[in-house]
């Protein structure tokens, strides 16, 4: 993930949906993104997993 403010693309592959509180927290401490998790890594050692939601199958 490359932040838009740092030159990242406004593309689906570069987006993470966060609540307003988590969004502020990530920016406040410049949390790193770990693609292996995927998770955000905070300076205090906390790793916050990002849950990847899949779309529901279409109903026929």
PDB file of N, CA and C in Angstrom:
ATOM      1  N   UNK A   1       0.842  -1.161   0.000  1.00  0.00           N
ATOM      2  CA  UNK A   1       0.000   0.000   0.000  1.00  0.00           C
ATOM      3  C   UNK A   1       0.899   1.241   0.000  1.00  0.00           C
ATOM      4  N   UNK A   2       0.648   2.082  -0.949  1.00  0.00           N
ATOM      5  CA  UNK A   2       1.357   3.362  -0.991  1.00  0.00           C
ATOM      6  C   UNK A   2       0.312   4.451  -0.820  1.00  0.00           C
ATOM      7  N   UNK A   3       0.439   5.218   0.232  1.00  0.00           N
ATOM      8  CA  UNK A   3      -0.529   6.264   0.536  1.00  0.00           C
ATOM      9  C   UNK A   3      -0.675   7.214  -0.644  1.00  0.00           C
ATOM     10  N   UNK A   4      -1.906   7.673  -0.876  1.00  0.00           N
ATOM     11  CA  UNK A   4      -2.144   8.642  -1.944  1.00  0.00           C
ATOM     12  C   UNK A   4      -1.297   9.890  -1.741  1.00  0.00           C
ATOM     13  N   UNK A   5      -1.155  10.309  -0.497  1.00  0.00           N
ATOM     14  CA  UNK A   5      -0.369  11.515  -0.193  1.00  0.00           C
ATOM     15  C   UNK A   5       1.116  11.338  -0.474  1.00  0.00           C
ATOM     16  N   UNK A   6       1.530  10.102  -0.731  1.00  0.00           N
ATOM     17  CA  UNK A   6       2.938   9.815  -1.029  1.00  0.00           C
ATOM     18  C   UNK A   6       3.126   9.300  -2.446  1.00  0.00           C
ATOM     19  N   UNK A   7       2.152   9.585  -3.294  1.00  0.00           N
ATOM     20  CA  UNK A   7       2.285   9.227  -4.702  1.00  0.00           C
ATOM     21  C   UNK A   7       1.644   7.920  -5.099  1.00  0.00           C
ATOM     22  N   UNK A   8       0.912   7.283  -4.199  1.00  0.00           N
ATOM     23  CA  UNK A   8       0.247   6.032  -4.527  1.00  0.00           C
ATOM     24  C   UNK A   8      -0.908   6.241  -5.483  1.00  0.00           C
ATOM     25  N   UNK A   9      -1.276   5.180  -6.173  1.00  0.00           N
ATOM     26  CA  UNK A   9      -2.356   5.255  -7.146  1.00  0.00           C
ATOM     27  C   UNK A   9      -3.710   5.122  -6.470  1.00  0.00           C
ATOM     28  N   UNK A  10      -4.699   5.759  -7.068  1.00  0.00           N
ATOM     29  CA  UNK A  10      -6.079   5.647  -6.615  1.00  0.00           C
ATOM     30  C   UNK A  10      -6.712   4.476  -7.364  1.00  0.00           C
ATOM     31  N   UNK A  11      -6.180   3.278  -7.117  1.00  0.00           N
ATOM     32  CA  UNK A  11      -6.617   2.056  -7.798  1.00  0.00           C
ATOM     33  C   UNK A  11      -7.076   1.038  -6.758  1.00  0.00           C
ATOM     34  N   UNK A  12      -7.969   0.147  -7.162  1.00  0.00           N
ATOM     35  CA  UNK A  12      -8.522  -0.850  -6.261  1.00  0.00           C
ATOM     36  C   UNK A  12      -7.429  -1.649  -5.552  1.00  0.00           C
ATOM     37  N   UNK A  13      -6.357  -1.966  -6.255  1.00  0.00           N
ATOM     38  CA  UNK A  13      -5.268  -2.763  -5.677  1.00  0.00           C
ATOM     39  C   UNK A  13      -4.503  -2.012  -4.601  1.00  0.00           C
ATOM     40  N   UNK A  14      -4.698  -0.696  -4.507  1.00  0.00           N
ATOM     41  CA  UNK A  14      -3.962   0.112  -3.550  1.00  0.00           C
ATOM     42  C   UNK A  14      -4.897   0.735  -2.504  1.00  0.00           C
ATOM     43  N   UNK A  15      -6.053   0.119  -2.283  1.00  0.00           N
ATOM     44  CA  UNK A  15      -7.025   0.664  -1.342  1.00  0.00           C
ATOM     45  C   UNK A  15      -7.249  -0.282  -0.166  1.00  0.00           C
ATOM     46  N   UNK A  16      -7.414   0.302   1.009  1.00  0.00           N
ATOM     47  CA  UNK A  16      -7.794  -0.439   2.212  1.00  0.00           C
ATOM     48  C   UNK A  16      -8.924   0.350   2.853  1.00  0.00           C
ATOM     49  N   UNK A  17     -10.028  -0.316   3.135  1.00  0.00           N
ATOM     50  CA  UNK A  17     -11.155   0.333   3.774  1.00  0.00           C
ATOM     51  C   UNK A  17     -10.953   0.280   5.285  1.00  0.00           C
ATOM     52  N   UNK A  18     -10.890   1.458   5.914  1.00  0.00           N
ATOM     53  CA  UNK A  18     -10.675   1.558   7.352  1.00  0.00           C
ATOM     54  C   UNK A  18     -11.783   2.391   7.979  1.00  0.00           C
ATOM     55  N   UNK A  19     -12.074   2.099   9.224  1.00  0.00           N
ATOM     56  CA  UNK A  19     -12.996   2.954   9.969  1.00  0.00           C
ATOM     57  C   UNK A  19     -12.296   4.303  10.190  1.00  0.00           C
ATOM     58  N   UNK A  20     -13.062   5.347  10.483  1.00  0.00           N
ATOM     59  CA  UNK A  20     -12.422   6.647  10.741  1.00  0.00           C
ATOM     60  C   UNK A  20     -11.383   6.594  11.867  1.00  0.00           C
ATOM     61  N   UNK A  21     -11.657   5.838  12.919  1.00  0.00           N
ATOM     62  CA  UNK A  21     -10.700   5.747  14.034  1.00  0.00           C
ATOM     63  C   UNK A  21      -9.419   5.033  13.620  1.00  0.00           C
ATOM     64  N   UNK A  22      -9.541   3.929  12.895  1.00  0.00           N
ATOM     65  CA  UNK A  22      -8.346   3.220  12.439  1.00  0.00           C
ATOM     66  C   UNK A  22      -7.563   4.063  11.430  1.00  0.00           C
ATOM     67  N   UNK A  23      -8.267   4.777  10.579  1.00  0.00           N
ATOM     68  CA  UNK A  23      -7.604   5.639   9.597  1.00  0.00           C
ATOM     69  C   UNK A  23      -6.739   6.690  10.288  1.00  0.00           C
ATOM     70  N   UNK A  24      -7.293   7.333  11.308  1.00  0.00           N
ATOM     71  CA  UNK A  24      -6.510   8.331  12.070  1.00  0.00           C
ATOM     72  C   UNK A  24      -5.312   7.681  12.751  1.00  0.00           C
ATOM     73  N   UNK A  25      -5.522   6.491  13.332  1.00  0.00           N
ATOM     74  CA  UNK A  25      -4.437   5.798  14.044  1.00  0.00           C
ATOM     75  C   UNK A  25      -3.288   5.445  13.106  1.00  0.00           C
ATOM     76  N   UNK A  26      -3.617   4.917  11.943  1.00  0.00           N
ATOM     77  CA  UNK A  26      -2.584   4.528  10.971  1.00  0.00           C
ATOM     78  C   UNK A  26      -1.769   5.745  10.554  1.00  0.00           C
ATOM     79  N   UNK A  27      -2.446   6.851  10.258  1.00  0.00           N
ATOM     80  CA  UNK A  27      -1.733   8.060   9.833  1.00  0.00           C
ATOM     81  C   UNK A  27      -0.988   8.729  10.989  1.00  0.00           C
ATOM     82  N   UNK A  28      -1.550   8.693  12.181  1.00  0.00           N
ATOM     83  CA  UNK A  28      -0.932   9.381  13.327  1.00  0.00           C
ATOM     84  C   UNK A  28       0.449   8.835  13.652  1.00  0.00           C
ATOM     85  N   UNK A  29       0.622   7.520  13.488  1.00  0.00           N
ATOM     86  CA  UNK A  29       1.914   6.915  13.862  1.00  0.00           C
ATOM     87  C   UNK A  29       2.684   6.401  12.655  1.00  0.00           C
ATOM     88  N   UNK A  30       2.163   6.686  11.439  1.00  0.00           N
ATOM     89  CA  UNK A  30       2.837   6.246  10.216  1.00  0.00           C
ATOM     90  C   UNK A  30       3.039   4.729  10.219  1.00  0.00           C
ATOM     91  N   UNK A  31       1.961   3.989  10.525  1.00  0.00           N
ATOM     92  CA  UNK A  31       2.038   2.528  10.598  1.00  0.00           C
ATOM     93  C   UNK A  31       2.432   1.940   9.245  1.00  0.00           C
ATOM     94  N   UNK A  32       3.358   1.009   9.282  1.00  0.00           N
ATOM     95  CA  UNK A  32       3.815   0.346   8.059  1.00  0.00           C
ATOM     96  C   UNK A  32       2.814  -0.732   7.656  1.00  0.00           C
ATOM     97  N   UNK A  33       2.760  -1.047   6.359  1.00  0.00           N
ATOM     98  CA  UNK A  33       1.879  -2.100   5.863  1.00  0.00           C
ATOM     99  C   UNK A  33       2.724  -3.320   5.560  1.00  0.00           C
ATOM    100  N   UNK A  34       2.347  -4.454   6.138  1.00  0.00           N
ATOM    101  CA  UNK A  34       3.054  -5.718   5.920  1.00  0.00           C
ATOM    102  C   UNK A  34       2.209  -6.581   4.995  1.00  0.00           C
ATOM    103  N   UNK A  35       2.675  -6.789   3.773  1.00  0.00           N
ATOM    104  CA  UNK A  35       1.934  -7.566   2.786  1.00  0.00           C
ATOM    105  C   UNK A  35       1.823  -9.039   3.167  1.00  0.00           C
ATOM    106  N   UNK A  36       2.720  -9.542   3.993  1.00  0.00           N
ATOM    107  CA  UNK A  36       2.675 -10.958   4.376  1.00  0.00           C
ATOM    108  C   UNK A  36       1.481 -11.262   5.252  1.00  0.00           C
ATOM    109  N   UNK A  37       1.018 -10.277   6.038  1.00  0.00           N
ATOM    110  CA  UNK A  37      -0.078 -10.483   6.980  1.00  0.00           C
ATOM    111  C   UNK A  37      -1.416 -10.733   6.337  1.00  0.00           C
ATOM    112  N   UNK A  38      -1.969  -9.932   5.526  1.00  0.00           N
ATOM    113  CA  UNK A  38      -1.601  -8.520   5.483  1.00  0.00           C
ATOM    114  C   UNK A  38      -2.019  -7.833   6.774  1.00  0.00           C
ATOM    115  N   UNK A  39      -1.210  -6.882   7.202  1.00  0.00           N
ATOM    116  CA  UNK A  39      -1.499  -6.193   8.457  1.00  0.00           C
ATOM    117  C   UNK A  39      -0.765  -4.853   8.507  1.00  0.00           C
ATOM    118  N   UNK A  40      -1.247  -4.002   9.401  1.00  0.00           N
ATOM    119  CA  UNK A  40      -0.553  -2.762   9.703  1.00  0.00           C
ATOM    120  C   UNK A  40       0.317  -3.006  10.917  1.00  0.00           C
ATOM    121  N   UNK A  41       1.560  -2.537  10.875  1.00  0.00           N
ATOM    122  CA  UNK A  41       2.502  -2.699  11.977  1.00  0.00           C
ATOM    123  C   UNK A  41       2.687  -1.353  12.657  1.00  0.00           C
ATOM    124  N   UNK A  42       2.346  -1.300  13.948  1.00  0.00           N
ATOM    125  CA  UNK A  42       2.443  -0.056  14.702  1.00  0.00           C
ATOM    126  C   UNK A  42       3.761  -0.010  15.467  1.00  0.00           C
ATOM    127  N   UNK A  43       4.288   1.185  15.712  1.00  0.00           N
ATOM    128  CA  UNK A  43       5.579   1.323  16.384  1.00  0.00           C
ATOM    129  C   UNK A  43       5.641   0.673  17.769  1.00  0.00           C
ATOM    130  N   UNK A  44       4.497   0.512  18.441  1.00  0.00           N
ATOM    131  CA  UNK A  44       4.505  -0.109  19.774  1.00  0.00           C
ATOM    132  C   UNK A  44       4.521  -1.632  19.709  1.00  0.00           C
ATOM    133  N   UNK A  45       4.659  -2.197  18.504  1.00  0.00           N
ATOM    134  CA  UNK A  45       4.749  -3.646  18.349  1.00  0.00           C
ATOM    135  C   UNK A  45       3.431  -4.334  18.014  1.00  0.00           C
ATOM    136  N   UNK A  46       2.344  -3.587  18.018  1.00  0.00           N
ATOM    137  CA  UNK A  46       1.037  -4.164  17.703  1.00  0.00           C
ATOM    138  C   UNK A  46       0.930  -4.379  16.198  1.00  0.00           C
ATOM    139  N   UNK A  47       0.432  -5.550  15.829  1.00  0.00           N
ATOM    140  CA  UNK A  47       0.170  -5.875  14.440  1.00  0.00           C
ATOM    141  C   UNK A  47      -1.341  -6.039  14.278  1.00  0.00           C
ATOM    142  N   UNK A  48      -1.945  -5.194  13.461  1.00  0.00           N
ATOM    143  CA  UNK A  48      -3.397  -5.209  13.266  1.00  0.00           C
ATOM    144  C   UNK A  48      -3.695  -5.826  11.902  1.00  0.00           C
ATOM    145  N   UNK A  49      -4.259  -7.033  11.926  1.00  0.00           N
ATOM    146  CA  UNK A  49      -4.541  -7.766  10.692  1.00  0.00           C
ATOM    147  C   UNK A  49      -5.608  -7.064   9.860  1.00  0.00           C
ATOM    148  N   UNK A  50      -5.407  -7.084   8.553  1.00  0.00           N
ATOM    149  CA  UNK A  50      -6.398  -6.561   7.622  1.00  0.00           C
ATOM    150  C   UNK A  50      -7.185  -7.760   7.110  1.00  0.00           C
ATOM    151  N   UNK A  51      -8.485  -7.719   7.291  1.00  0.00           N
ATOM    152  CA  UNK A  51      -9.338  -8.810   6.816  1.00  0.00           C
ATOM    153  C   UNK A  51      -9.766  -8.501   5.392  1.00  0.00           C
ATOM    154  N   UNK A  52      -9.551  -9.455   4.529  1.00  0.00           N
ATOM    155  CA  UNK A  52      -9.912  -9.278   3.133  1.00  0.00           C
ATOM    156  C   UNK A  52     -11.296  -9.870   2.925  1.00  0.00           C
ATOM    157  N   UNK A  53     -12.240  -9.015   2.582  1.00  0.00           N
ATOM    158  CA  UNK A  53     -13.604  -9.469   2.332  1.00  0.00           C
ATOM    159  C   UNK A  53     -13.755  -9.832   0.873  1.00  0.00           C
ATOM    160  N   UNK A  54     -14.457 -10.887   0.646  1.00  0.00           N
ATOM    161  CA  UNK A  54     -14.749 -11.326  -0.710  1.00  0.00           C
ATOM    162  C   UNK A  54     -16.214 -10.994  -1.016  1.00  0.00           C
ATOM    163  N   UNK A  55     -16.527 -10.619  -2.251  1.00  0.00           N
ATOM    164  CA  UNK A  55     -17.926 -10.344  -2.572  1.00  0.00           C
ATOM    165  C   UNK A  55     -18.771 -11.605  -2.454  1.00  0.00           C
ATOM    166  N   UNK A  56     -20.016 -11.418  -2.076  1.00  0.00           N
ATOM    167  CA  UNK A  56     -20.929 -12.542  -1.997  1.00  0.00           C
ATOM    168  C   UNK A  56     -21.238 -13.053  -3.394  1.00  0.00           C
ATOM    169  N   UNK A  57     -21.459 -14.360  -3.516  1.00  0.00           N
ATOM    170  CA  UNK A  57     -21.805 -14.882  -4.856  1.00  0.00           C
ATOM    171  C   UNK A  57     -23.152 -14.318  -5.300  1.00  0.00           C
ATOM    172  N   UNK A  58     -23.281 -14.134  -6.590  1.00  0.00           N
ATOM    173  CA  UNK A  58     -24.531 -13.605  -7.154  1.00  0.00           C
ATOM    174  C   UNK A  58     -25.643 -14.623  -6.953  1.00  0.00           C
ATOM    175  N   UNK A  59     -26.804 -14.141  -6.593  1.00  0.00           N
ATOM    176  CA  UNK A  59     -27.974 -15.001  -6.454  1.00  0.00           C
ATOM    177  C   UNK A  59     -28.617 -15.172  -7.815  1.00  0.00           C
ATOM    178  N   UNK A  60     -28.914 -16.401  -8.153  1.00  0.00           N
ATOM    179  CA  UNK A  60     -29.529 -16.661  -9.460  1.00  0.00           C
ATOM    180  C   UNK A  60     -31.022 -16.684  -9.371  1.00  0.00           C
TER     181      UNK A  60
END
